[in-house]
C-alpha atoms as a PDB file:
ATOM      1  CA  MET A   1      30.760  14.484 -27.418  1.00  0.00           C
ATOM      2  CA  ASN A   2      33.482  14.251 -30.065  1.00  0.00           C
ATOM      3  CA  GLN A   3      37.181  14.744 -29.395  1.00  0.00           C
ATOM      4  CA  ALA A   4      37.336  18.280 -30.810  1.00  0.00           C
ATOM      5  CA  ILE A   5      34.592  19.441 -28.441  1.00  0.00           C
ATOM      6  CA  LYS A   6      36.306  17.870 -25.413  1.00  0.00           C
ATOM      7  CA  GLU A   7      39.624  19.454 -26.329  1.00  0.00           C
ATOM      8  CA  GLY A   8      38.015  22.869 -26.833  1.00  0.00           C
ATOM      9  CA  ILE A   9      36.312  22.808 -23.446  1.00  0.00           C
ATOM     10  CA  GLY A  10      39.478  21.555 -21.739  1.00  0.00           C
ATOM     11  CA  ARG A  11      41.569  24.268 -23.361  1.00  0.00           C
ATOM     12  CA  ARG A  12      39.216  27.032 -22.176  1.00  0.00           C
ATOM     13  CA  ILE A  13      39.136  25.648 -18.636  1.00  0.00           C
ATOM     14  CA  ARG A  14      42.924  25.464 -18.428  1.00  0.00           C
ATOM     15  CA  GLN A  15      43.340  28.953 -19.875  1.00  0.00           C
ATOM     16  CA  ALA A  16      40.852  30.451 -17.418  1.00  0.00           C
ATOM     17  CA  ARG A  17      42.465  28.623 -14.478  1.00  0.00           C
ATOM     18  CA  GLU A  18      45.977  29.754 -15.395  1.00  0.00           C
ATOM     19  CA  GLU A  19      44.803  33.339 -15.932  1.00  0.00           C
ATOM     20  CA  ARG A  20      43.691  33.300 -12.296  1.00  0.00           C
ATOM     21  CA  GLY A  21      47.057  31.970 -11.146  1.00  0.00           C
ATOM     22  CA  LEU A  22      45.593  28.750  -9.759  1.00  0.00           C
ATOM     23  CA  THR A  23      47.376  25.420  -9.713  1.00  0.00           C
ATOM     24  CA  ARG A  24      45.233  22.338 -10.220  1.00  0.00           C
ATOM     25  CA  GLU A  25      45.668  21.516  -6.531  1.00  0.00           C
ATOM     26  CA  GLU A  26      44.465  24.973  -5.493  1.00  0.00           C
ATOM     27  CA  PHE A  27      41.574  24.794  -7.931  1.00  0.00           C
ATOM     28  CA  CYS A  28      40.326  21.433  -6.623  1.00  0.00           C
ATOM     29  CA  GLY A  29      40.758  22.250  -2.924  1.00  0.00           C
ATOM     30  CA  THR A  30      39.520  19.312  -0.838  1.00  0.00           C
ATOM     31  CA  GLU A  31      38.782  17.362  -4.052  1.00  0.00           C
ATOM     32  CA  GLU A  32      35.277  16.546  -2.829  1.00  0.00           C
ATOM     33  CA  GLU A  33      33.669  17.937  -5.979  1.00  0.00           C
ATOM     34  CA  LEU A  34      36.540  17.432  -8.433  1.00  0.00           C
ATOM     35  CA  THR A  35      39.860  15.623  -8.082  1.00  0.00           C
ATOM     36  CA  VAL A  36      43.158  16.889  -9.482  1.00  0.00           C
ATOM     37  CA  ARG A  37      43.352  13.852 -11.756  1.00  0.00           C
ATOM     38  CA  GLN A  38      39.841  14.483 -13.108  1.00  0.00           C
ATOM     39  CA  LEU A  39      40.660  18.140 -13.785  1.00  0.00           C
ATOM     40  CA  GLN A  40      43.882  17.177 -15.551  1.00  0.00           C
ATOM     41  CA  ARG A  41      42.083  14.722 -17.823  1.00  0.00           C
ATOM     42  CA  ILE A  42      39.356  17.267 -18.591  1.00  0.00           C
ATOM     43  CA  GLU A  43      41.882  19.980 -19.443  1.00  0.00           C
ATOM     44  CA  LEU A  44      43.776  17.616 -21.738  1.00  0.00           C
ATOM     45  CA  GLY A  45      40.584  16.647 -23.531  1.00  0.00           C
ATOM     46  CA  LYS A  46      40.878  13.039 -22.363  1.00  0.00           C
ATOM     47  CA  SER A  47      37.755  13.018 -20.210  1.00  0.00           C
ATOM     48  CA  GLN A  48      34.186  14.008 -20.968  1.00  0.00           C
ATOM     49  CA  PRO A  49      32.971  16.268 -18.127  1.00  0.00           C
ATOM     50  CA  SER A  50      29.424  15.961 -16.846  1.00  0.00           C
ATOM     51  CA  LEU A  51      27.154  18.983 -16.827  1.00  0.00           C
ATOM     52  CA  LEU A  52      27.331  18.945 -13.022  1.00  0.00           C
ATOM     53  CA  LYS A  53      31.154  19.098 -13.044  1.00  0.00           C
ATOM     54  CA  LEU A  54      31.128  21.808 -15.710  1.00  0.00           C
ATOM     55  CA  ASP A  55      28.764  23.829 -13.556  1.00  0.00           C
ATOM     56  CA  TYR A  56      31.097  23.396 -10.567  1.00  0.00           C
ATOM     57  CA  ILE A  57      34.146  24.410 -12.641  1.00  0.00           C
ATOM     58  CA  ALA A  58      32.332  27.483 -13.943  1.00  0.00           C
ATOM     59  CA  GLY A  59      31.497  28.425 -10.349  1.00  0.00           C
ATOM     60  CA  VAL A  60      35.126  28.191  -9.214  1.00  0.00           C
ATOM     61  CA  LEU A  61      36.249  30.239 -12.212  1.00  0.00           C
ATOM     62  CA  ASN A  62      33.402  32.694 -11.637  1.00  0.00           C
ATOM     63  CA  VAL A  63      32.355  32.532 -15.278  1.00  0.00           C
ATOM     64  CA  ASP A  64      29.102  31.670 -16.986  1.00  0.00           C
ATOM     65  CA  LEU A  65      28.795  28.044 -18.043  1.00  0.00           C
ATOM     66  CA  THR A  66      28.293  29.144 -21.646  1.00  0.00           C
ATOM     67  CA  ALA A  67      31.768  30.710 -21.605  1.00  0.00           C
ATOM     68  CA  LEU A  68      33.229  27.220 -21.256  1.00  0.00           C
ATOM     69  CA  LEU A  69      30.952  25.719 -23.884  1.00  0.00           C
ATOM     70  CA  ALA A  70      30.913  28.552 -26.421  1.00  0.00           C
ATOM     71  CA  GLY A  71      31.572  27.525 -29.976  1.00  0.00           C
ATOM     72  CA  ASP A  72      31.366  23.795 -29.382  1.00  0.00           C
ATOM     73  CA  GLY A  73      27.695  23.242 -30.085  1.00  0.00           C
ATOM     74  CA  MET A  74      27.263  21.446 -26.761  1.00  0.00           C
ATOM     75  CA  LEU A  75      24.459  23.626 -25.473  1.00  0.00           C
ATOM     76  CA  LEU A  76      21.387  21.470 -25.086  1.00  0.00           C
ATOM     77  CA  PRO A  77      17.931  22.767 -25.982  1.00  0.00           C
ATOM     78  CA  ASP A  78      15.346  23.546 -23.327  1.00  0.00           C
ATOM     79  CA  SER A  79      13.339  20.514 -24.459  1.00  0.00           C
ATOM     80  CA  TYR A  80      16.044  18.207 -23.072  1.00  0.00           C
ATOM     81  CA  PHE A  81      15.942  19.810 -19.643  1.00  0.00           C
ATOM     82  CA  ARG A  82      12.144  19.677 -19.619  1.00  0.00           C
ATOM     83  CA  MET A  83      12.317  15.944 -20.290  1.00  0.00           C
ATOM     84  CA  LYS A  84      14.961  15.464 -17.610  1.00  0.00           C
ATOM     85  CA  TYR A  85      12.743  17.351 -15.173  1.00  0.00           C
ATOM     86  CA  ARG A  86       9.896  14.928 -15.878  1.00  0.00           C
ATOM     87  CA  LEU A  87      12.171  11.937 -15.323  1.00  0.00           C
ATOM     88  CA  PHE A  88      13.189  13.088 -11.862  1.00  0.00           C
ATOM     89  CA  LYS A  89      10.438  15.310 -10.569  1.00  0.00           C
ATOM     90  CA  ILE A  90       7.296  13.369 -11.490  1.00  0.00           C
ATOM     91  CA  PRO A  91       7.247  10.278  -9.243  1.00  0.00           C
ATOM     92  CA  SER A  92       5.895   7.003 -10.595  1.00  0.00           C
ATOM     93  CA  TYR A  93       4.863   5.262  -7.347  1.00  0.00           C
ATOM     94  CA  SER A  94       5.378   2.094  -9.452  1.00  0.00           C
ATOM     95  CA  ASP A  95       2.334   2.982 -11.560  1.00  0.00           C
ATOM     96  CA  PRO A  96       2.635   1.059 -14.880  1.00  0.00           C
ATOM     97  CA  GLN A  97       1.430   3.946 -17.033  1.00  0.00           C
ATOM     98  CA  ARG A  98       3.846   6.452 -15.502  1.00  0.00           C
ATOM     99  CA  LEU A  99       6.708   3.981 -15.764  1.00  0.00           C
ATOM    100  CA  ASP A 100       5.936   3.363 -19.435  1.00  0.00           C
ATOM    101  CA  GLU A 101       5.912   7.118 -20.032  1.00  0.00           C
ATOM    102  CA  LYS A 102       9.318   7.495 -18.365  1.00  0.00           C
ATOM    103  CA  ILE A 103      10.828   4.597 -20.326  1.00  0.00           C
ATOM    104  CA  GLU A 104       9.505   6.123 -23.552  1.00  0.00           C
ATOM    105  CA  LEU A 105      10.904   9.494 -22.510  1.00  0.00           C
ATOM    106  CA  ILE A 106      14.386   8.007 -22.105  1.00  0.00           C
ATOM    107  CA  GLU A 107      14.132   6.475 -25.576  1.00  0.00           C
ATOM    108  CA  THR A 108      13.228   9.899 -26.967  1.00  0.00           C
ATOM    109  CA  ILE A 109      16.238  11.468 -25.248  1.00  0.00           C
ATOM    110  CA  TYR A 110      18.525   8.795 -26.699  1.00  0.00           C
ATOM    111  CA  ASP A 111      17.088   9.375 -30.177  1.00  0.00           C
ATOM    112  CA  HIS A 112      17.569  13.144 -30.114  1.00  0.00           C
ATOM    113  CA  TYR A 113      20.459  13.940 -27.764  1.00  0.00           C
ATOM    114  CA  PHE A 114      22.665  10.851 -27.417  1.00  0.00           C
ATOM    115  CA  SER A 115      25.613  12.331 -29.325  1.00  0.00           C
ATOM    116  CA  LEU A 116      25.474  15.556 -27.301  1.00  0.00           C
ATOM    117  CA  LEU A 117      25.414  14.129 -23.795  1.00  0.00           C
ATOM    118  CA  PRO A 118      28.472  13.674 -21.527  1.00  0.00           C
ATOM    119  CA  GLU A 119      29.307  10.179 -20.301  1.00  0.00           C
ATOM    120  CA  GLU A 120      28.011  10.781 -16.788  1.00  0.00           C
ATOM    121  CA  GLU A 121      24.705  12.063 -18.140  1.00  0.00           C
ATOM    122  CA  LEU A 122      24.386   8.948 -20.309  1.00  0.00           C
ATOM    123  CA  PHE A 123      25.162   6.792 -17.267  1.00  0.00           C
ATOM    124  CA  THR A 124      22.368   8.585 -15.405  1.00  0.00           C
ATOM    125  CA  LEU A 125      19.928   7.691 -18.173  1.00  0.00           C
ATOM    126  CA  ASP A 126      21.154   4.082 -18.206  1.00  0.00           C
ATOM    127  CA  LEU A 127      20.569   3.774 -14.469  1.00  0.00           C
ATOM    128  CA  LEU A 128      17.120   5.355 -14.689  1.00  0.00           C
ATOM    129  CA  ASP A 129      16.196   3.070 -17.582  1.00  0.00           C
ATOM    130  CA  ASN A 130      17.188   0.006 -15.541  1.00  0.00           C
ATOM    131  CA  ILE A 131      15.305   1.260 -12.485  1.00  0.00           C
ATOM    132  CA  PHE A 132      12.091   2.029 -14.368  1.00  0.00           C
ATOM    133  CA  ASP A 133      12.270  -1.215 -16.332  1.00  0.00           C
ATOM    134  CA  TYR A 134      12.749  -3.230 -13.149  1.00  0.00           C
ATOM    135  CA  LEU A 135       9.822  -1.508 -11.439  1.00  0.00           C
ATOM    136  CA  ARG A 136       7.711  -2.166 -14.527  1.00  0.00           C
ATOM    137  CA  LYS A 137       8.663  -5.791 -15.207  1.00  0.00           C
ATOM    138  CA  GLY A 138      10.561  -7.022 -12.159  1.00  0.00           C
ATOM    139  CA  GLN A 139      13.173  -8.603 -14.404  1.00  0.00           C
ATOM    140  CA  ARG A 140      16.648  -7.129 -14.535  1.00  0.00           C
ATOM    141  CA  PRO A 141      20.111  -8.476 -13.651  1.00  0.00           C
ATOM    142  CA  ALA A 142      21.193  -7.521 -10.134  1.00  0.00           C
ATOM    143  CA  ALA A 143      22.549  -4.001  -9.748  1.00  0.00           C
ATOM    144  CA  GLU A 144      25.834  -5.319  -8.381  1.00  0.00           C
ATOM    145  CA  ASP A 145      26.226  -7.440 -11.548  1.00  0.00           C
ATOM    146  CA  SER A 146      24.936  -5.003 -14.187  1.00  0.00           C
ATOM    147  CA  PHE A 147      27.183  -2.217 -12.916  1.00  0.00           C
ATOM    148  CA  ALA A 148      29.880  -4.268 -11.192  1.00  0.00           C
ATOM    149  CA  GLU A 149      32.750  -1.766 -11.302  1.00  0.00           C
ATOM    150  CA  ALA A 150      30.603   1.204 -10.328  1.00  0.00           C
ATOM    151  CA  PHE A 151      29.074  -0.835  -7.512  1.00  0.00           C
ATOM    152  CA  LYS A 152      32.497  -1.697  -6.082  1.00  0.00           C
ATOM    153  CA  GLU A 153      33.428   1.985  -6.133  1.00  0.00           C
ATOM    154  CA  LEU A 154      30.127   2.863  -4.466  1.00  0.00           C
ATOM    155  CA  LEU A 155      31.129   0.962  -1.343  1.00  0.00           C
ATOM    156  CA  LEU A 156      34.449   2.806  -1.110  1.00  0.00           C
ATOM    157  CA  LYS A 157      33.489   6.399  -1.888  1.00  0.00           C
ATOM    158  CA  PRO A 158      33.267   8.905   0.973  1.00  0.00           C
ATOM    159  CA  ARG A 159      31.146  11.236  -1.160  1.00  0.00           C
ATOM    160  CA  TYR A 160      28.295  10.116  -3.400  1.00  0.00           C
ATOM    161  CA  SER A 161      27.433  11.565  -6.793  1.00  0.00           C
ATOM    162  CA  LEU A 162      23.949  11.597  -8.314  1.00  0.00           C
ATOM    163  CA  ASN A 163      24.761   8.384 -10.164  1.00  0.00           C
ATOM    164  CA  ASP A 164      25.991   6.741  -6.965  1.00  0.00           C
ATOM    165  CA  LEU A 165      22.638   7.485  -5.348  1.00  0.00           C
ATOM    166  CA  LEU A 166      20.784   6.070  -8.349  1.00  0.00           C
ATOM    167  CA  LEU A 167      22.912   2.916  -8.273  1.00  0.00           C
ATOM    168  CA  ALA A 168      22.183   2.505  -4.563  1.00  0.00           C
ATOM    169  CA  LYS A 169      18.483   3.025  -5.325  1.00  0.00           C
ATOM    170  CA  PHE A 170      18.616   0.277  -7.955  1.00  0.00           C
ATOM    171  CA  TYR A 171      20.061  -2.139  -5.390  1.00  0.00           C
ATOM    172  CA  LEU A 172      17.526  -1.241  -2.709  1.00  0.00           C
ATOM    173  CA  ILE A 173      14.428  -1.609  -4.873  1.00  0.00           C
ATOM    174  CA  GLN A 174      15.654  -4.980  -6.146  1.00  0.00           C
ATOM    175  CA  HIS A 175      15.708  -6.287  -2.577  1.00  0.00           C
ATOM    176  CA  HIS A 176      12.325  -5.114  -1.326  1.00  0.00           C
ATOM    177  CA  SER A 177      11.374  -8.773  -1.472  1.00  0.00           C
ATOM    178  CA  GLY A 178      13.752 -11.600  -0.691  1.00  0.00           C
ATOM    179  CA  ALA A 179      16.947 -11.614   1.334  1.00  0.00           C
ATOM    180  CA  TYR A 180      19.397  -8.735   1.216  1.00  0.00           C
ATOM    181  CA  ASN A 181      22.961  -8.187   2.381  1.00  0.00           C
ATOM    182  CA  LYS A 182      22.446  -6.377   5.688  1.00  0.00           C
ATOM    183  CA  ALA A 183      26.098  -5.440   6.139  1.00  0.00           C
ATOM    184  CA  LEU A 184      26.191  -3.927   2.661  1.00  0.00           C
ATOM    185  CA  VAL A 185      23.000  -1.924   3.195  1.00  0.00           C
ATOM    186  CA  GLN A 186      24.256  -0.732   6.574  1.00  0.00           C
ATOM    187  CA  LYS A 187      27.435   0.490   4.894  1.00  0.00           C
ATOM    188  CA  MET A 188      25.366   2.355   2.293  1.00  0.00           C
ATOM    189  CA  GLU A 189      23.202   3.914   4.988  1.00  0.00           C
ATOM    190  CA  THR A 190      26.229   5.020   7.010  1.00  0.00           C
ATOM    191  CA  ARG A 191      27.781   6.641   3.934  1.00  0.00           C
ATOM    192  CA  ALA A 192      24.518   8.269   2.884  1.00  0.00           C
ATOM    193  CA  LEU A 193      24.039   9.792   6.340  1.00  0.00           C
ATOM    194  CA  LYS A 194      27.310  11.668   5.841  1.00  0.00           C
ATOM    195  CA  GLN A 195      26.233  13.220   2.533  1.00  0.00           C
ATOM    196  CA  GLU A 196      25.366  16.901   2.449  1.00  0.00           C
ATOM    197  CA  ILE A 197      22.964  18.745   0.188  1.00  0.00           C
ATOM    198  CA  SER A 198      24.371  20.344  -2.950  1.00  0.00           C
ATOM    199  CA  GLY A 199      23.458  22.994  -5.477  1.00  0.00           C
ATOM    200  CA  ASP A 200      22.034  20.274  -7.721  1.00  0.00           C
ATOM    201  CA  ASP A 201      18.299  19.945  -7.125  1.00  0.00           C
ATOM    202  CA  TYR A 202      18.199  16.453  -8.636  1.00  0.00           C
ATOM    203  CA  TYR A 203      20.973  15.290  -6.310  1.00  0.00           C
ATOM    204  CA  ASN A 204      19.102  16.585  -3.278  1.00  0.00           C
ATOM    205  CA  LEU A 205      15.915  14.847  -4.375  1.00  0.00           C
ATOM    206  CA  GLU A 206      17.708  11.542  -4.930  1.00  0.00           C
ATOM    207  CA  LEU A 207      19.437  11.809  -1.561  1.00  0.00           C
ATOM    208  CA  ILE A 208      15.997  12.014   0.045  1.00  0.00           C
ATOM    209  CA  ASN A 209      14.801   9.204  -2.222  1.00  0.00           C
ATOM    210  CA  PHE A 210      17.667   7.025  -1.000  1.00  0.00           C
ATOM    211  CA  PHE A 211      16.290   7.172   2.532  1.00  0.00           C
ATOM    212  CA  SER A 212      12.758   6.671   1.233  1.00  0.00           C
ATOM    213  CA  ASP A 213      13.819   3.538  -0.663  1.00  0.00           C
ATOM    214  CA  LEU A 214      15.778   2.398   2.384  1.00  0.00           C
ATOM    215  CA  SER A 215      12.663   2.855   4.526  1.00  0.00           C
ATOM    216  CA  ALA A 216      10.653   0.865   1.986  1.00  0.00           C
ATOM    217  CA  LEU A 217      13.237  -1.925   2.198  1.00  0.00           C
ATOM    218  CA  TYR A 218      13.056  -2.028   5.988  1.00  0.00           C
ATOM    219  CA  THR A 219       9.252  -1.921   5.860  1.00  0.00           C
ATOM    220  CA  SER A 220       9.023  -4.794   3.378  1.00  0.00           C
ATOM    221  CA  HIS A 221      11.184  -6.898   5.723  1.00  0.00           C
ATOM    222  CA  ALA A 222       9.220  -5.798   8.818  1.00  0.00           C
ATOM    223  CA  GLU A 223      12.362  -4.237  10.306  1.00  0.00           C
ATOM    224  CA  TYR A 224      10.416  -1.315  11.708  1.00  0.00           C
ATOM    225  CA  PRO A 225      12.882  -0.222  14.431  1.00  0.00           C
ATOM    226  CA  LYS A 226      15.339   0.637  11.636  1.00  0.00           C
ATOM    227  CA  LEU A 227      12.940   3.284  10.270  1.00  0.00           C
ATOM    228  CA  ASP A 228      13.839   5.804  12.958  1.00  0.00           C
ATOM    229  CA  VAL A 229      17.142   7.009  11.475  1.00  0.00           C
ATOM    230  CA  PRO A 230      16.154   7.330   7.785  1.00  0.00           C
ATOM    231  CA  VAL A 231      12.860   9.030   8.651  1.00  0.00           C
ATOM    232  CA  LYS A 232      14.621  11.642  10.780  1.00  0.00           C
ATOM    233  CA  ARG A 233      17.171  12.250   8.033  1.00  0.00           C
ATOM    234  CA  MET A 234      14.398  12.646   5.461  1.00  0.00           C
ATOM    235  CA  HIS A 235      12.716  15.283   7.609  1.00  0.00           C
ATOM    236  CA  ASP A 236      16.020  17.159   7.976  1.00  0.00           C
ATOM    237  CA  LEU A 237      16.801  17.048   4.257  1.00  0.00           C
ATOM    238  CA  ILE A 238      13.297  18.147   3.295  1.00  0.00           C
ATOM    239  CA  ARG A 239      13.576  21.147   5.608  1.00  0.00           C
ATOM    240  CA  GLU A 240      16.970  22.071   4.151  1.00  0.00           C
ATOM    241  CA  THR A 241      16.024  21.625   0.491  1.00  0.00           C
ATOM    242  CA  ARG A 242      12.301  22.469   0.497  1.00  0.00           C
ATOM    243  CA  GLN A 243      11.482  19.246  -1.356  1.00  0.00           C
ATOM    244  CA  ASP A 244       8.001  19.357   0.142  1.00  0.00           C
ATOM    245  CA  SER A 245       6.618  16.771  -2.273  1.00  0.00           C
ATOM    246  CA  MET A 246       8.502  14.139  -0.246  1.00  0.00           C
ATOM    247  CA  ILE A 247       6.737  14.964   3.030  1.00  0.00           C
ATOM    248  CA  PRO A 248       3.726  12.618   2.586  1.00  0.00           C
ATOM    249  CA  LEU A 249       5.851   9.487   2.097  1.00  0.00           C
ATOM    250  CA  THR A 250       8.055  10.492   5.010  1.00  0.00           C
ATOM    251  CA  LEU A 251       4.984  10.825   7.220  1.00  0.00           C
ATOM    252  CA  MET A 252       3.780   7.410   6.040  1.00  0.00           C
ATOM    253  CA  PHE A 253       7.013   5.723   7.134  1.00  0.00           C
ATOM    254  CA  GLU A 254       6.931   7.661  10.389  1.00  0.00           C
ATOM    255  CA  ALA A 255       3.383   6.414  10.971  1.00  0.00           C
ATOM    256  CA  LYS A 256       4.543   2.831  10.519  1.00  0.00           C
ATOM    257  CA  TYR A 257       7.281   3.428  13.074  1.00  0.00           C
ATOM    258  CA  TYR A 258       4.705   4.663  15.589  1.00  0.00           C
ATOM    259  CA  ILE A 259       2.431   1.684  14.922  1.00  0.00           C
ATOM    260  CA  TYR A 260       4.939  -1.148  15.079  1.00  0.00           C
ATOM    261  CA  VAL A 261       7.613   0.239  17.394  1.00  0.00           C
ATOM    262  CA  LYS A 262       6.011   2.887  19.592  1.00  0.00           C
ATOM    263  CA  GLN A 263       2.640   1.100  19.692  1.00  0.00           C
ATOM    264  CA  CYS A 264       0.924   4.468  19.372  1.00  0.00           C
ATOM    265  CA  ARG A 265      -1.913   4.272  16.863  1.00  0.00           C
ATOM    266  CA  ASN A 266      -3.319   7.697  17.695  1.00  0.00           C
ATOM    267  CA  LYS A 267      -0.086   9.380  16.626  1.00  0.00           C
ATOM    268  CA  ALA A 268       0.087   7.148  13.555  1.00  0.00           C
ATOM    269  CA  GLU A 269      -3.442   8.165  12.583  1.00  0.00           C
ATOM    270  CA  GLU A 270      -2.488  11.846  12.862  1.00  0.00           C
ATOM    271  CA  LEU A 271       0.519  11.264  10.624  1.00  0.00           C
ATOM    272  CA  TYR A 272      -1.478   9.359   8.017  1.00  0.00           C
ATOM    273  CA  ASN A 273      -4.183  12.034   8.009  1.00  0.00           C
ATOM    274  CA  ALA A 274      -1.571  14.736   7.470  1.00  0.00           C
ATOM    275  CA  ALA A 275       0.042  12.727   4.668  1.00  0.00           C
ATOM    276  CA  VAL A 276      -3.265  12.211   2.848  1.00  0.00           C
ATOM    277  CA  TRP A 277      -4.192  15.874   3.272  1.00  0.00           C
ATOM    278  CA  LEU A 278      -0.869  16.952   1.770  1.00  0.00           C
ATOM    279  CA  ALA A 279      -1.286  14.555  -1.155  1.00  0.00           C
ATOM    280  CA  GLU A 280      -4.679  16.143  -1.810  1.00  0.00           C
ATOM    281  CA  SER A 281      -3.107  19.607  -1.577  1.00  0.00           C
ATOM    282  CA  PHE A 282      -0.500  18.561  -4.149  1.00  0.00           C
ATOM    283  CA  ASP A 283      -3.318  17.221  -6.337  1.00  0.00           C
ATOM    284  CA  ASP A 284      -1.455  13.902  -6.494  1.00  0.00           C
ATOM    285  CA  VAL A 285      -4.133  11.255  -6.950  1.00  0.00           C
ATOM    286  CA  LEU A 286      -1.679   8.360  -7.222  1.00  0.00           C
ATOM    287  CA  LEU A 287       0.056   9.299  -3.995  1.00  0.00           C
ATOM    288  CA  LYS A 288      -3.248   9.739  -2.174  1.00  0.00           C
ATOM    289  CA  THR A 289      -4.389   6.307  -3.363  1.00  0.00           C
ATOM    290  CA  LYS A 290      -1.116   4.737  -2.203  1.00  0.00           C
ATOM    291  CA  LEU A 291      -1.362   6.355   1.232  1.00  0.00           C
ATOM    292  CA  ILE A 292      -4.973   5.262   1.727  1.00  0.00           C
ATOM    293  CA  HIS A 293      -4.006   1.713   0.749  1.00  0.00           C
ATOM    294  CA  GLU A 294      -1.081   1.677   3.198  1.00  0.00           C
ATOM    295  CA  ARG A 295      -3.235   3.100   5.980  1.00  0.00           C
ATOM    296  CA  LYS A 296      -5.804   0.366   5.364  1.00  0.00           C
ATOM    297  CA  GLU A 297      -3.068  -2.292   5.448  1.00  0.00           C
ATOM    298  CA  ASP A 298      -1.842  -0.872   8.760  1.00  0.00           C
ATOM    299  CA  ARG A 299      -5.438  -0.816  10.081  1.00  0.00           C
ATOM    300  CA  VAL A 300      -5.298   2.794  11.182  1.00  0.00           C
END
């Protein structure tokens, strides 16, 4: 986004805020979604707002998002949002072909929309690219090194953004094998448990995915008693957000908890059967195959 576009958006936001008689402090309220400093920088054209923040600002001002963007050529075509949907909503389950498709999709987005995207949106793509590439090849610098500054902030923030969740995901998947910093992961889990659902569907999905990746980490290290909390939170979030596609994996982790902690294989078998049935209902062959493999490994 060039400087003229940023200044135009900032000018319209400030004008609309002042017309409503709101100070920046009143506008930002608790500052959970937007801080006074962030708003000031946006209004002065010094900061590039993300689409999520623009949507929040439009909601507070009670105006359509296009009213803030009008005349600046920032409106993205539907094709971009369709590609973004595929990046988030179609799971890979570490399947090489799906991962290759997602990596190629990110390259296409860079080729066509790089100059139009806000910084936070570009950071999202960078994180996804690193995640998919790591899952595909297993070779990437550690998350805490690749994104050192953002990672430090992650451990201090009371409220996580979509990118914070993706950064946490990157760390978790890199430590499914080998030692991990238990105090650090515990801090992440504690923070994540305090996060609430938002109006952003992708955020809600990644919040559930955080607990799924956390459960996968605990499973890979045979720390089965630790599955209880993330599994319960996943169930709660799925009920609140209707992200039903996440139910089968949640049931799989719950089954493992019943096998290795509760010593109840009958209950675990029921959970696995329900998970496989749902995967069939969703017509998700990859997920069904994964569940059957896990059930076989667990000898249920």
